[in-house]
C-alpha atoms as a PDB file:
ATOM      1  CA  MET A   1       0.000   0.000   0.000  1.00  0.00           C
ATOM      2  CA  LYS A   2       1.228   3.485  -0.873  1.00  0.00           C
ATOM      3  CA  ARG A   3       1.550   5.997   1.959  1.00  0.00           C
ATOM      4  CA  PHE A   4       0.511   9.668   1.974  1.00  0.00           C
ATOM      5  CA  ILE A   5       1.892  11.863   4.785  1.00  0.00           C
ATOM      6  CA  LEU A   6       0.028  15.040   5.809  1.00  0.00           C
ATOM      7  CA  ILE A   7       2.073  17.261   8.132  1.00  0.00           C
ATOM      8  CA  ASP A   8       0.516  19.906  10.367  1.00  0.00           C
ATOM      9  CA  GLY A   9       3.273  22.474   9.840  1.00  0.00           C
ATOM     10  CA  ASN A  10       2.295  24.960  12.529  1.00  0.00           C
ATOM     11  CA  ALA A  11       1.782  22.288  15.183  1.00  0.00           C
ATOM     12  CA  ILE A  12       5.201  20.742  14.567  1.00  0.00           C
ATOM     13  CA  MET A  13       6.949  24.120  14.431  1.00  0.00           C
ATOM     14  CA  HIS A  14       5.341  25.287  17.679  1.00  0.00           C
ATOM     15  CA  ARG A  15       6.393  22.073  19.386  1.00  0.00           C
ATOM     16  CA  ALA A  16       9.946  22.407  18.036  1.00  0.00           C
ATOM     17  CA  PHE A  17      10.162  26.054  19.102  1.00  0.00           C
ATOM     18  CA  HIS A  18       9.243  25.235  22.696  1.00  0.00           C
ATOM     19  CA  ALA A  19      11.005  21.864  22.915  1.00  0.00           C
ATOM     20  CA  LEU A  20      14.430  22.940  21.718  1.00  0.00           C
ATOM     21  CA  PRO A  21      16.806  25.486  23.246  1.00  0.00           C
ATOM     22  CA  PRO A  22      17.219  28.844  21.434  1.00  0.00           C
ATOM     23  CA  LEU A  23      19.633  27.531  18.837  1.00  0.00           C
ATOM     24  CA  THR A  24      21.019  29.873  16.188  1.00  0.00           C
ATOM     25  CA  ASN A  25      22.316  29.216  12.700  1.00  0.00           C
ATOM     26  CA  LYS A  26      25.728  30.337  11.467  1.00  0.00           C
ATOM     27  CA  ASP A  27      24.319  33.794  10.633  1.00  0.00           C
ATOM     28  CA  GLY A  28      23.184  34.288  14.214  1.00  0.00           C
ATOM     29  CA  GLU A  29      19.487  33.868  13.381  1.00  0.00           C
ATOM     30  CA  LEU A  30      17.299  31.926  15.790  1.00  0.00           C
ATOM     31  CA  SER A  31      16.566  28.618  14.066  1.00  0.00           C
ATOM     32  CA  ASN A  32      15.399  26.134  16.696  1.00  0.00           C
ATOM     33  CA  ALA A  33      11.916  25.772  15.126  1.00  0.00           C
ATOM     34  CA  VAL A  34      13.352  25.442  11.613  1.00  0.00           C
ATOM     35  CA  TYR A  35      15.870  22.855  12.747  1.00  0.00           C
ATOM     36  CA  GLY A  36      13.278  20.971  14.794  1.00  0.00           C
ATOM     37  CA  PHE A  37      10.749  20.955  11.963  1.00  0.00           C
ATOM     38  CA  PHE A  38      13.190  19.482   9.464  1.00  0.00           C
ATOM     39  CA  SER A  39      14.580  17.028  11.994  1.00  0.00           C
ATOM     40  CA  MET A  40      11.016  15.716  12.397  1.00  0.00           C
ATOM     41  CA  PHE A  41      10.534  15.878   8.611  1.00  0.00           C
ATOM     42  CA  LEU A  42      13.562  13.653   8.008  1.00  0.00           C
ATOM     43  CA  LYS A  43      12.472  11.245  10.738  1.00  0.00           C
ATOM     44  CA  ILE A  44       9.145  10.845   8.947  1.00  0.00           C
ATOM     45  CA  LEU A  45      10.942  10.075   5.687  1.00  0.00           C
ATOM     46  CA  GLU A  46      13.270   7.639   7.440  1.00  0.00           C
ATOM     47  CA  ASP A  47      10.538   5.820   9.327  1.00  0.00           C
ATOM     48  CA  PHE A  48       7.652   5.783   6.841  1.00  0.00           C
ATOM     49  CA  SER A  49       9.140   6.068   3.331  1.00  0.00           C
ATOM     50  CA  PRO A  50       6.114   8.011   2.033  1.00  0.00           C
ATOM     51  CA  THR A  51       5.067   7.877  -1.588  1.00  0.00           C
ATOM     52  CA  TYR A  52       3.387  11.281  -1.255  1.00  0.00           C
ATOM     53  CA  LEU A  53       3.659  14.164   1.200  1.00  0.00           C
ATOM     54  CA  ILE A  54       2.058  17.571   1.851  1.00  0.00           C
ATOM     55  CA  VAL A  55       2.725  20.176   4.559  1.00  0.00           C
ATOM     56  CA  CYS A  56      -0.301  22.223   5.684  1.00  0.00           C
ATOM     57  CA  PHE A  57      -0.112  25.572   7.476  1.00  0.00           C
ATOM     58  CA  ASP A  58      -2.441  27.952   9.289  1.00  0.00           C
ATOM     59  CA  ARG A  59      -2.819  31.444   7.866  1.00  0.00           C
ATOM     60  CA  PRO A  60      -2.599  34.563  10.081  1.00  0.00           C
ATOM     61  CA  LYS A  61      -6.071  35.814   9.134  1.00  0.00           C
ATOM     62  CA  PRO A  62      -9.015  34.948  11.438  1.00  0.00           C
ATOM     63  CA  THR A  63     -10.784  31.650  10.818  1.00  0.00           C
ATOM     64  CA  PHE A  64     -14.509  30.886  10.797  1.00  0.00           C
ATOM     65  CA  ARG A  65     -14.147  29.464  14.334  1.00  0.00           C
ATOM     66  CA  GLN A  66     -13.109  32.874  15.657  1.00  0.00           C
ATOM     67  CA  THR A  67     -16.209  34.290  13.993  1.00  0.00           C
ATOM     68  CA  LEU A  68     -18.364  31.690  15.755  1.00  0.00           C
ATOM     69  CA  TYR A  69     -16.742  32.244  19.149  1.00  0.00           C
ATOM     70  CA  ALA A  70     -14.705  35.344  19.958  1.00  0.00           C
ATOM     71  CA  GLY A  71     -12.861  33.533  22.755  1.00  0.00           C
ATOM     72  CA  TYR A  72     -11.611  30.739  20.503  1.00  0.00           C
ATOM     73  CA  GLN A  73      -7.890  30.166  21.264  1.00  0.00           C
ATOM     74  CA  ALA A  74      -7.861  33.506  23.110  1.00  0.00           C
ATOM     75  CA  ALA A  75      -6.135  32.003  26.153  1.00  0.00           C
ATOM     76  CA  ARG A  76      -3.104  30.896  24.163  1.00  0.00           C
ATOM     77  CA  PRO A  77       0.065  32.900  24.808  1.00  0.00           C
ATOM     78  CA  LYS A  78       0.905  35.479  22.179  1.00  0.00           C
ATOM     79  CA  MET A  79       3.189  34.015  19.546  1.00  0.00           C
ATOM     80  CA  SER A  80       6.787  34.885  20.275  1.00  0.00           C
ATOM     81  CA  ASP A  81       8.279  37.431  17.890  1.00  0.00           C
ATOM     82  CA  ASP A  82      11.043  34.898  17.223  1.00  0.00           C
ATOM     83  CA  LEU A  83       8.695  32.351  15.638  1.00  0.00           C
ATOM     84  CA  PRO A  84       7.102  34.074  12.575  1.00  0.00           C
ATOM     85  CA  PRO A  85      10.461  34.598  10.792  1.00  0.00           C
ATOM     86  CA  GLN A  86      11.151  30.897  11.247  1.00  0.00           C
ATOM     87  CA  ILE A  87       7.774  29.977   9.759  1.00  0.00           C
ATOM     88  CA  VAL A  88       8.725  32.092   6.739  1.00  0.00           C
ATOM     89  CA  LYS A  89      12.079  30.293   6.565  1.00  0.00           C
ATOM     90  CA  VAL A  90      10.440  26.849   6.609  1.00  0.00           C
ATOM     91  CA  HIS A  91       8.075  27.951   3.832  1.00  0.00           C
ATOM     92  CA  GLU A  92      11.003  29.174   1.764  1.00  0.00           C
ATOM     93  CA  ILE A  93      12.965  25.932   2.179  1.00  0.00           C
ATOM     94  CA  LEU A  94       9.940  23.738   1.391  1.00  0.00           C
ATOM     95  CA  GLU A  95       9.072  25.772  -1.696  1.00  0.00           C
ATOM     96  CA  SER A  96      12.671  25.729  -2.934  1.00  0.00           C
ATOM     97  CA  ALA A  97      12.771  21.954  -2.550  1.00  0.00           C
ATOM     98  CA  LYS A  98       9.424  21.585  -4.387  1.00  0.00           C
ATOM     99  CA  ILE A  99       7.678  20.086  -1.373  1.00  0.00           C
ATOM    100  CA  PRO A 100       3.924  20.838  -1.607  1.00  0.00           C
ATOM    101  CA  ILE A 101       2.398  23.377   0.803  1.00  0.00           C
ATOM    102  CA  PHE A 102      -1.349  23.879   1.344  1.00  0.00           C
ATOM    103  CA  GLU A 103      -2.819  26.878   3.193  1.00  0.00           C
ATOM    104  CA  ILE A 104      -5.929  29.013   2.749  1.00  0.00           C
ATOM    105  CA  ASP A 105      -7.340  32.063   4.537  1.00  0.00           C
ATOM    106  CA  GLY A 106     -10.236  31.403   6.892  1.00  0.00           C
ATOM    107  CA  PHE A 107      -9.343  27.792   7.632  1.00  0.00           C
ATOM    108  CA  GLU A 108      -6.930  26.068   9.979  1.00  0.00           C
ATOM    109  CA  ALA A 109      -4.390  23.518   8.838  1.00  0.00           C
ATOM    110  CA  ASP A 110      -6.674  20.955  10.555  1.00  0.00           C
ATOM    111  CA  ASP A 111      -9.414  21.670   8.014  1.00  0.00           C
ATOM    112  CA  LEU A 112      -7.036  21.330   5.081  1.00  0.00           C
ATOM    113  CA  ILE A 113      -5.737  18.044   6.481  1.00  0.00           C
ATOM    114  CA  GLY A 114      -9.305  16.836   7.009  1.00  0.00           C
ATOM    115  CA  THR A 115     -10.287  17.731   3.453  1.00  0.00           C
ATOM    116  CA  LEU A 116      -7.138  16.219   1.962  1.00  0.00           C
ATOM    117  CA  SER A 117      -7.486  12.979   3.932  1.00  0.00           C
ATOM    118  CA  VAL A 118     -11.028  12.521   2.618  1.00  0.00           C
ATOM    119  CA  LYS A 119      -9.979  13.298  -0.960  1.00  0.00           C
ATOM    120  CA  ILE A 120      -7.061  10.867  -0.772  1.00  0.00           C
ATOM    121  CA  VAL A 121      -9.134   8.017   0.668  1.00  0.00           C
ATOM    122  CA  GLU A 122     -11.873   8.595  -1.885  1.00  0.00           C
ATOM    123  CA  SER A 123      -9.369   8.630  -4.751  1.00  0.00           C
ATOM    124  CA  SER A 124      -7.830   5.222  -4.201  1.00  0.00           C
ATOM    125  CA  LEU A 125      -8.082   1.955  -2.297  1.00  0.00           C
ATOM    126  CA  ASP A 126      -4.318   1.477  -1.955  1.00  0.00           C
ATOM    127  CA  ILE A 127      -3.185   4.667  -0.202  1.00  0.00           C
ATOM    128  CA  GLU A 128      -2.763   4.861   3.554  1.00  0.00           C
ATOM    129  CA  VAL A 129      -2.886   8.348   5.101  1.00  0.00           C
ATOM    130  CA  ILE A 130      -0.730   9.288   8.096  1.00  0.00           C
ATOM    131  CA  ILE A 131      -1.375  12.671   9.713  1.00  0.00           C
ATOM    132  CA  VAL A 132       1.543  14.165  11.649  1.00  0.00           C
ATOM    133  CA  SER A 133       0.387  16.542  14.383  1.00  0.00           C
ATOM    134  CA  GLY A 134       0.192  17.104  18.104  1.00  0.00           C
ATOM    135  CA  ASP A 135      -3.359  18.453  17.791  1.00  0.00           C
ATOM    136  CA  ARG A 136      -5.692  15.832  19.240  1.00  0.00           C
ATOM    137  CA  ASP A 137      -8.671  17.317  17.348  1.00  0.00           C
ATOM    138  CA  LEU A 138      -7.345  15.490  14.297  1.00  0.00           C
ATOM    139  CA  LEU A 139      -7.989  12.112  15.931  1.00  0.00           C
ATOM    140  CA  GLN A 140     -11.575  12.417  14.723  1.00  0.00           C
ATOM    141  CA  LEU A 141     -10.216  11.704  11.221  1.00  0.00           C
ATOM    142  CA  VAL A 142      -8.698   8.324  12.165  1.00  0.00           C
ATOM    143  CA  ASN A 143     -10.270   5.309  10.495  1.00  0.00           C
ATOM    144  CA  ASP A 144      -9.213   2.073   8.834  1.00  0.00           C
ATOM    145  CA  ARG A 145      -7.286   4.058   6.186  1.00  0.00           C
ATOM    146  CA  VAL A 146      -6.127   7.054   8.226  1.00  0.00           C
ATOM    147  CA  LYS A 147      -3.720   7.057  11.180  1.00  0.00           C
ATOM    148  CA  MET A 148      -2.176   9.888  13.182  1.00  0.00           C
ATOM    149  CA  LEU A 149       1.414  10.208  14.383  1.00  0.00           C
ATOM    150  CA  ALA A 150       1.535  12.450  17.460  1.00  0.00           C
ATOM    151  CA  PRO A 151       4.565  13.644  19.430  1.00  0.00           C
ATOM    152  CA  VAL A 152       4.327  12.645  23.091  1.00  0.00           C
ATOM    153  CA  THR A 153       7.375  14.386  24.502  1.00  0.00           C
ATOM    154  CA  GLY A 154       9.746  16.545  22.502  1.00  0.00           C
ATOM    155  CA  LEU A 155       9.888  15.611  18.826  1.00  0.00           C
ATOM    156  CA  SER A 156      11.332  12.108  18.688  1.00  0.00           C
ATOM    157  CA  ASN A 157       9.028  10.304  21.140  1.00  0.00           C
ATOM    158  CA  THR A 158       5.807   9.677  19.204  1.00  0.00           C
ATOM    159  CA  ILE A 159       2.722   7.481  19.218  1.00  0.00           C
ATOM    160  CA  LEU A 160       0.920   6.213  16.122  1.00  0.00           C
ATOM    161  CA  TYR A 161      -2.830   6.282  16.665  1.00  0.00           C
ATOM    162  CA  ASP A 162      -5.064   3.849  14.850  1.00  0.00           C
ATOM    163  CA  GLU A 163      -8.719   3.264  15.768  1.00  0.00           C
ATOM    164  CA  GLN A 164      -7.878   0.914  18.615  1.00  0.00           C
ATOM    165  CA  ALA A 165      -5.255   3.250  20.099  1.00  0.00           C
ATOM    166  CA  VAL A 166      -7.693   6.187  20.106  1.00  0.00           C
ATOM    167  CA  GLU A 167     -10.342   4.127  21.895  1.00  0.00           C
ATOM    168  CA  LYS A 168      -7.826   2.842  24.429  1.00  0.00           C
ATOM    169  CA  LYS A 169      -6.554   6.355  25.195  1.00  0.00           C
ATOM    170  CA  PHE A 170      -9.845   8.287  25.317  1.00  0.00           C
ATOM    171  CA  GLY A 171     -12.483   5.633  25.865  1.00  0.00           C
ATOM    172  CA  VAL A 172     -14.329   6.641  22.691  1.00  0.00           C
ATOM    173  CA  LYS A 173     -14.104   5.806  19.001  1.00  0.00           C
ATOM    174  CA  PRO A 174     -12.460   8.325  16.646  1.00  0.00           C
ATOM    175  CA  SER A 175     -15.888   9.142  15.214  1.00  0.00           C
ATOM    176  CA  GLN A 176     -16.984  10.162  18.726  1.00  0.00           C
ATOM    177  CA  ILE A 177     -14.109  12.588  19.393  1.00  0.00           C
ATOM    178  CA  ILE A 178     -16.231  15.541  18.247  1.00  0.00           C
ATOM    179  CA  ASP A 179     -19.039  14.634  20.649  1.00  0.00           C
ATOM    180  CA  TYR A 180     -16.503  13.945  23.402  1.00  0.00           C
ATOM    181  CA  LYS A 181     -15.092  17.475  23.044  1.00  0.00           C
ATOM    182  CA  ALA A 182     -18.599  18.936  22.881  1.00  0.00           C
ATOM    183  CA  LEU A 183     -19.112  17.546  26.378  1.00  0.00           C
ATOM    184  CA  THR A 184     -15.675  18.186  27.884  1.00  0.00           C
ATOM    185  CA  GLY A 185     -14.707  21.361  26.018  1.00  0.00           C
ATOM    186  CA  ASP A 186     -11.108  22.154  25.117  1.00  0.00           C
ATOM    187  CA  ALA A 187      -8.872  24.180  27.418  1.00  0.00           C
ATOM    188  CA  SER A 188      -6.137  24.618  24.803  1.00  0.00           C
ATOM    189  CA  ASP A 189      -8.603  26.151  22.321  1.00  0.00           C
ATOM    190  CA  ASN A 190     -10.372  27.986  25.170  1.00  0.00           C
ATOM    191  CA  TYR A 191     -13.936  26.848  24.734  1.00  0.00           C
ATOM    192  CA  PRO A 192     -16.148  25.217  27.366  1.00  0.00           C
ATOM    193  CA  GLY A 193     -18.272  22.112  27.052  1.00  0.00           C
ATOM    194  CA  VAL A 194     -20.627  21.105  29.830  1.00  0.00           C
ATOM    195  CA  ALA A 195     -19.452  22.301  33.241  1.00  0.00           C
ATOM    196  CA  GLY A 196     -18.782  19.370  35.534  1.00  0.00           C
ATOM    197  CA  ILE A 197     -18.598  16.791  32.728  1.00  0.00           C
ATOM    198  CA  GLY A 198     -15.080  15.383  32.604  1.00  0.00           C
ATOM    199  CA  PRO A 199     -13.438  12.790  30.350  1.00  0.00           C
ATOM    200  CA  LYS A 200     -14.635   9.773  32.350  1.00  0.00           C
ATOM    201  CA  THR A 201     -18.279  10.882  32.418  1.00  0.00           C
ATOM    202  CA  ALA A 202     -18.173  11.928  28.758  1.00  0.00           C
ATOM    203  CA  SER A 203     -16.772   8.603  27.594  1.00  0.00           C
ATOM    204  CA  GLY A 204     -19.299   6.739  29.753  1.00  0.00           C
ATOM    205  CA  LEU A 205     -22.226   8.665  28.273  1.00  0.00           C
ATOM    206  CA  LEU A 206     -20.980   8.134  24.727  1.00  0.00           C
ATOM    207  CA  GLY A 207     -20.372   4.459  25.403  1.00  0.00           C
ATOM    208  CA  LYS A 208     -24.034   4.062  26.366  1.00  0.00           C
ATOM    209  CA  TYR A 209     -25.779   6.554  24.075  1.00  0.00           C
ATOM    210  CA  HIS A 210     -23.223   6.689  21.209  1.00  0.00           C
ATOM    211  CA  THR A 211     -23.833  10.287  20.066  1.00  0.00           C
ATOM    212  CA  PHE A 212     -24.117  13.781  21.521  1.00  0.00           C
ATOM    213  CA  GLU A 213     -27.636  14.130  20.113  1.00  0.00           C
ATOM    214  CA  ASN A 214     -28.786  10.818  21.527  1.00  0.00           C
ATOM    215  CA  ILE A 215     -27.510  11.763  24.984  1.00  0.00           C
ATOM    216  CA  TYR A 216     -29.757  14.826  24.917  1.00  0.00           C
ATOM    217  CA  LYS A 217     -32.691  12.792  23.602  1.00  0.00           C
ATOM    218  CA  ASN A 218     -32.360  10.598  26.692  1.00  0.00           C
ATOM    219  CA  ILE A 219     -31.563  13.364  29.157  1.00  0.00           C
ATOM    220  CA  GLY A 220     -34.612  12.429  31.261  1.00  0.00           C
ATOM    221  CA  ASP A 221     -33.150   8.984  31.926  1.00  0.00           C
ATOM    222  CA  LEU A 222     -29.865  10.309  33.276  1.00  0.00           C
ATOM    223  CA  PRO A 223     -29.002  10.879  36.931  1.00  0.00           C
ATOM    224  CA  GLU A 224     -30.525  14.202  37.999  1.00  0.00           C
ATOM    225  CA  LYS A 225     -27.175  15.884  38.619  1.00  0.00           C
ATOM    226  CA  ILE A 226     -25.797  15.010  35.176  1.00  0.00           C
ATOM    227  CA  GLY A 227     -29.069  15.812  33.416  1.00  0.00           C
ATOM    228  CA  LEU A 228     -29.163  19.259  35.039  1.00  0.00           C
ATOM    229  CA  ARG A 229     -25.608  20.004  33.946  1.00  0.00           C
ATOM    230  CA  LEU A 230     -26.367  18.970  30.389  1.00  0.00           C
ATOM    231  CA  ALA A 231     -29.555  21.038  30.284  1.00  0.00           C
ATOM    232  CA  THR A 232     -27.891  24.117  31.750  1.00  0.00           C
ATOM    233  CA  ASP A 233     -24.991  24.110  29.280  1.00  0.00           C
ATOM    234  CA  ALA A 234     -26.773  22.756  26.211  1.00  0.00           C
ATOM    235  CA  GLU A 235     -26.133  25.880  24.143  1.00  0.00           C
ATOM    236  CA  GLN A 236     -22.425  26.090  24.827  1.00  0.00           C
ATOM    237  CA  ALA A 237     -22.050  22.343  24.312  1.00  0.00           C
ATOM    238  CA  SER A 238     -23.658  22.699  20.884  1.00  0.00           C
ATOM    239  CA  LEU A 239     -21.237  25.522  20.087  1.00  0.00           C
ATOM    240  CA  ALA A 240     -18.327  23.389  21.309  1.00  0.00           C
ATOM    241  CA  LYS A 241     -19.326  20.661  18.884  1.00  0.00           C
ATOM    242  CA  LYS A 242     -19.236  23.109  15.969  1.00  0.00           C
ATOM    243  CA  LEU A 243     -15.815  24.390  17.046  1.00  0.00           C
ATOM    244  CA  ALA A 244     -14.438  20.859  17.429  1.00  0.00           C
ATOM    245  CA  THR A 245     -15.663  19.659  14.047  1.00  0.00           C
ATOM    246  CA  ILE A 246     -12.969  19.589  11.374  1.00  0.00           C
ATOM    247  CA  ILE A 247     -14.180  20.758   7.978  1.00  0.00           C
ATOM    248  CA  VAL A 248     -13.671  18.162   5.253  1.00  0.00           C
ATOM    249  CA  ASP A 249     -14.903  20.119   2.231  1.00  0.00           C
ATOM    250  CA  VAL A 250     -12.538  23.101   2.052  1.00  0.00           C
ATOM    251  CA  PRO A 251     -12.460  24.350  -1.589  1.00  0.00           C
ATOM    252  CA  ILE A 252      -9.041  23.011  -2.570  1.00  0.00           C
ATOM    253  CA  VAL A 253      -7.905  20.974  -5.554  1.00  0.00           C
ATOM    254  CA  LEU A 254      -5.618  17.997  -5.036  1.00  0.00           C
ATOM    255  CA  ASP A 255      -3.451  16.507  -7.783  1.00  0.00           C
ATOM    256  CA  ILE A 256      -1.952  13.519  -6.013  1.00  0.00           C
ATOM    257  CA  GLU A 257       0.811  12.933  -8.533  1.00  0.00           C
ATOM    258  CA  LEU A 258       2.208  16.441  -7.944  1.00  0.00           C
ATOM    259  CA  CYS A 259       2.779  15.410  -4.328  1.00  0.00           C
ATOM    260  CA  ASP A 260       5.011  12.474  -5.238  1.00  0.00           C
ATOM    261  CA  SER A 261       8.092  12.456  -3.020  1.00  0.00           C
ATOM    262  CA  LYS A 262      10.226  11.582  -6.042  1.00  0.00           C
ATOM    263  CA  LEU A 263       9.665  15.156  -7.244  1.00  0.00           C
ATOM    264  CA  PHE A 264      11.314  16.718  -4.178  1.00  0.00           C
ATOM    265  CA  ASP A 265      14.564  18.499  -4.992  1.00  0.00           C
ATOM    266  CA  LYS A 266      16.824  16.681  -2.571  1.00  0.00           C
ATOM    267  CA  GLU A 267      19.944  18.569  -3.624  1.00  0.00           C
ATOM    268  CA  VAL A 268      18.300  21.936  -2.897  1.00  0.00           C
ATOM    269  CA  LEU A 269      17.141  20.652   0.481  1.00  0.00           C
ATOM    270  CA  GLU A 270      20.691  19.613   1.310  1.00  0.00           C
ATOM    271  CA  GLN A 271      22.021  23.008   0.171  1.00  0.00           C
ATOM    272  CA  LYS A 272      19.536  24.819   2.395  1.00  0.00           C
ATOM    273  CA  PHE A 273      20.609  22.740   5.377  1.00  0.00           C
ATOM    274  CA  GLU A 274      24.248  23.535   4.649  1.00  0.00           C
ATOM    275  CA  LEU A 275      23.516  27.265   4.337  1.00  0.00           C
ATOM    276  CA  ASN A 276      21.832  27.229   7.725  1.00  0.00           C
ATOM    277  CA  GLY A 277      24.611  25.227   9.357  1.00  0.00           C
ATOM    278  CA  PHE A 278      22.382  22.219  10.024  1.00  0.00           C
ATOM    279  CA  ASN A 279      25.319  19.805   9.847  1.00  0.00           C
ATOM    280  CA  SER A 280      23.572  16.867  11.498  1.00  0.00           C
ATOM    281  CA  LEU A 281      20.613  17.218   9.101  1.00  0.00           C
ATOM    282  CA  VAL A 282      22.995  17.208   6.117  1.00  0.00           C
ATOM    283  CA  LYS A 283      24.370  13.865   7.309  1.00  0.00           C
ATOM    284  CA  ARG A 284      20.867  12.512   7.800  1.00  0.00           C
ATOM    285  CA  ILE A 285      19.690  13.613   4.368  1.00  0.00           C
ATOM    286  CA  SER A 286      22.615  11.719   2.870  1.00  0.00           C
ATOM    287  CA  LEU A 287      21.385   8.650   4.715  1.00  0.00           C
ATOM    288  CA  SER A 288      17.697   8.909   3.922  1.00  0.00           C
ATOM    289  CA  LEU A 289      17.319  10.833   0.663  1.00  0.00           C
ATOM    290  CA  LYS A 290      20.233  10.715  -1.727  1.00  0.00           C
ATOM    291  CA  ASN A 291      19.695   7.171  -2.904  1.00  0.00           C
ATOM    292  CA  GLY A 292      15.974   6.969  -2.218  1.00  0.00           C
ATOM    293  CA  TYR A 293      14.184   6.663   1.071  1.00  0.00           C
ATOM    294  CA  VAL A 294      15.421   4.096   3.531  1.00  0.00           C
ATOM    295  CA  LYS A 295      13.064   1.761   5.324  1.00  0.00           C
ATOM    296  CA  GLU A 296      13.183   1.942   9.113  1.00  0.00           C
ATOM    297  CA  ASN A 297      14.746  -1.523   9.403  1.00  0.00           C
ATOM    298  CA  ASP A 298      17.479  -0.533   6.926  1.00  0.00           C
ATOM    299  CA  ILE A 299      18.889   2.148   9.209  1.00  0.00           C
ATOM    300  CA  THR A 300      21.788   0.728  11.172  1.00  0.00           C
ATOM    301  CA  GLU A 301      21.886   0.957  14.935  1.00  0.00           C
ATOM    302  CA  LYS A 302      25.104   2.919  14.640  1.00  0.00           C
ATOM    303  CA  SER A 303      23.743   5.526  12.270  1.00  0.00           C
ATOM    304  CA  THR A 304      20.600   6.013  14.361  1.00  0.00           C
ATOM    305  CA  SER A 305      22.582   6.526  17.567  1.00  0.00           C
ATOM    306  CA  GLU A 306      24.914   8.946  15.823  1.00  0.00           C
ATOM    307  CA  VAL A 307      21.967  10.975  14.568  1.00  0.00           C
ATOM    308  CA  LYS A 308      20.424  11.135  18.058  1.00  0.00           C
ATOM    309  CA  LYS A 309      23.760  12.219  19.530  1.00  0.00           C
ATOM    310  CA  GLU A 310      24.107  14.979  16.945  1.00  0.00           C
ATOM    311  CA  GLU A 311      20.548  16.163  17.555  1.00  0.00           C
ATOM    312  CA  GLN A 312      21.306  16.514  21.238  1.00  0.00           C
ATOM    313  CA  LEU A 313      24.251  18.743  20.370  1.00  0.00           C
ATOM    314  CA  GLY A 314      21.925  20.988  18.380  1.00  0.00           C
ATOM    315  CA  LEU A 315      23.257  23.129  15.554  1.00  0.00           C
ATOM    316  CA  LEU A 316      26.918  22.445  14.862  1.00  0.00           C
END
């Protein structure tokens, strides 16, 4: 089966920016997020040997979710002034290396990833989709053809979610993640669900009644305390469900063959790493790109340990 990787660019860059020390390139420019992003990028190529790949980004303009709810993501810290120039740098490197980028005003990268995953699955029976992101909202997209690779700590420690892993972690099926967040809310995106309904209660209700709507249809059968909470916060729970729902029909056109990893300009990518002083990434690109992608079991124990050691040293 062919493999299509969809990377949530902003999510990975934010994680890299906060996970790595304030490393600078040879020109004295802060480059920890750039370095971290491409370190993760190469790890994906090394581990998954994708046939196709796209990187999706948020745009700075407000999205429809901020129109629905003025407080959406309002509690998040203001983006550091050191990060936007690095986002520009990652764009420039990706574009130079002919690696596809998708972004559109009014929508989050999540919505583009959701739309692309649906288009890819509908286009073929022999393409597996792997989403790369730390945003748990995207777990609602997981199914028998779509998985999600999520960093757990830092950038190198990850977990690959399939349907069973999602259910084990959250107590609900991927298709119920939207309803789960409607009940529990989302502190990171700053919207409430039903006050007093936590993860355990939410998963229990969905296990019995299956959907958000069916829970409310049977509200009279619930314990009085829970029923009162649901009735009191019904409006904000309904809003939470809209905010949690990833759009899967963003008006974008996908030509799968233009996303073929064979079209990436590997020499330009290597040159960009050299210009930025990313010496350890240059060595890794020689390992994983120059002669075609390497399967995970083809990477020697020695080369893997050397790479990890170099990453710990940062920019050389």
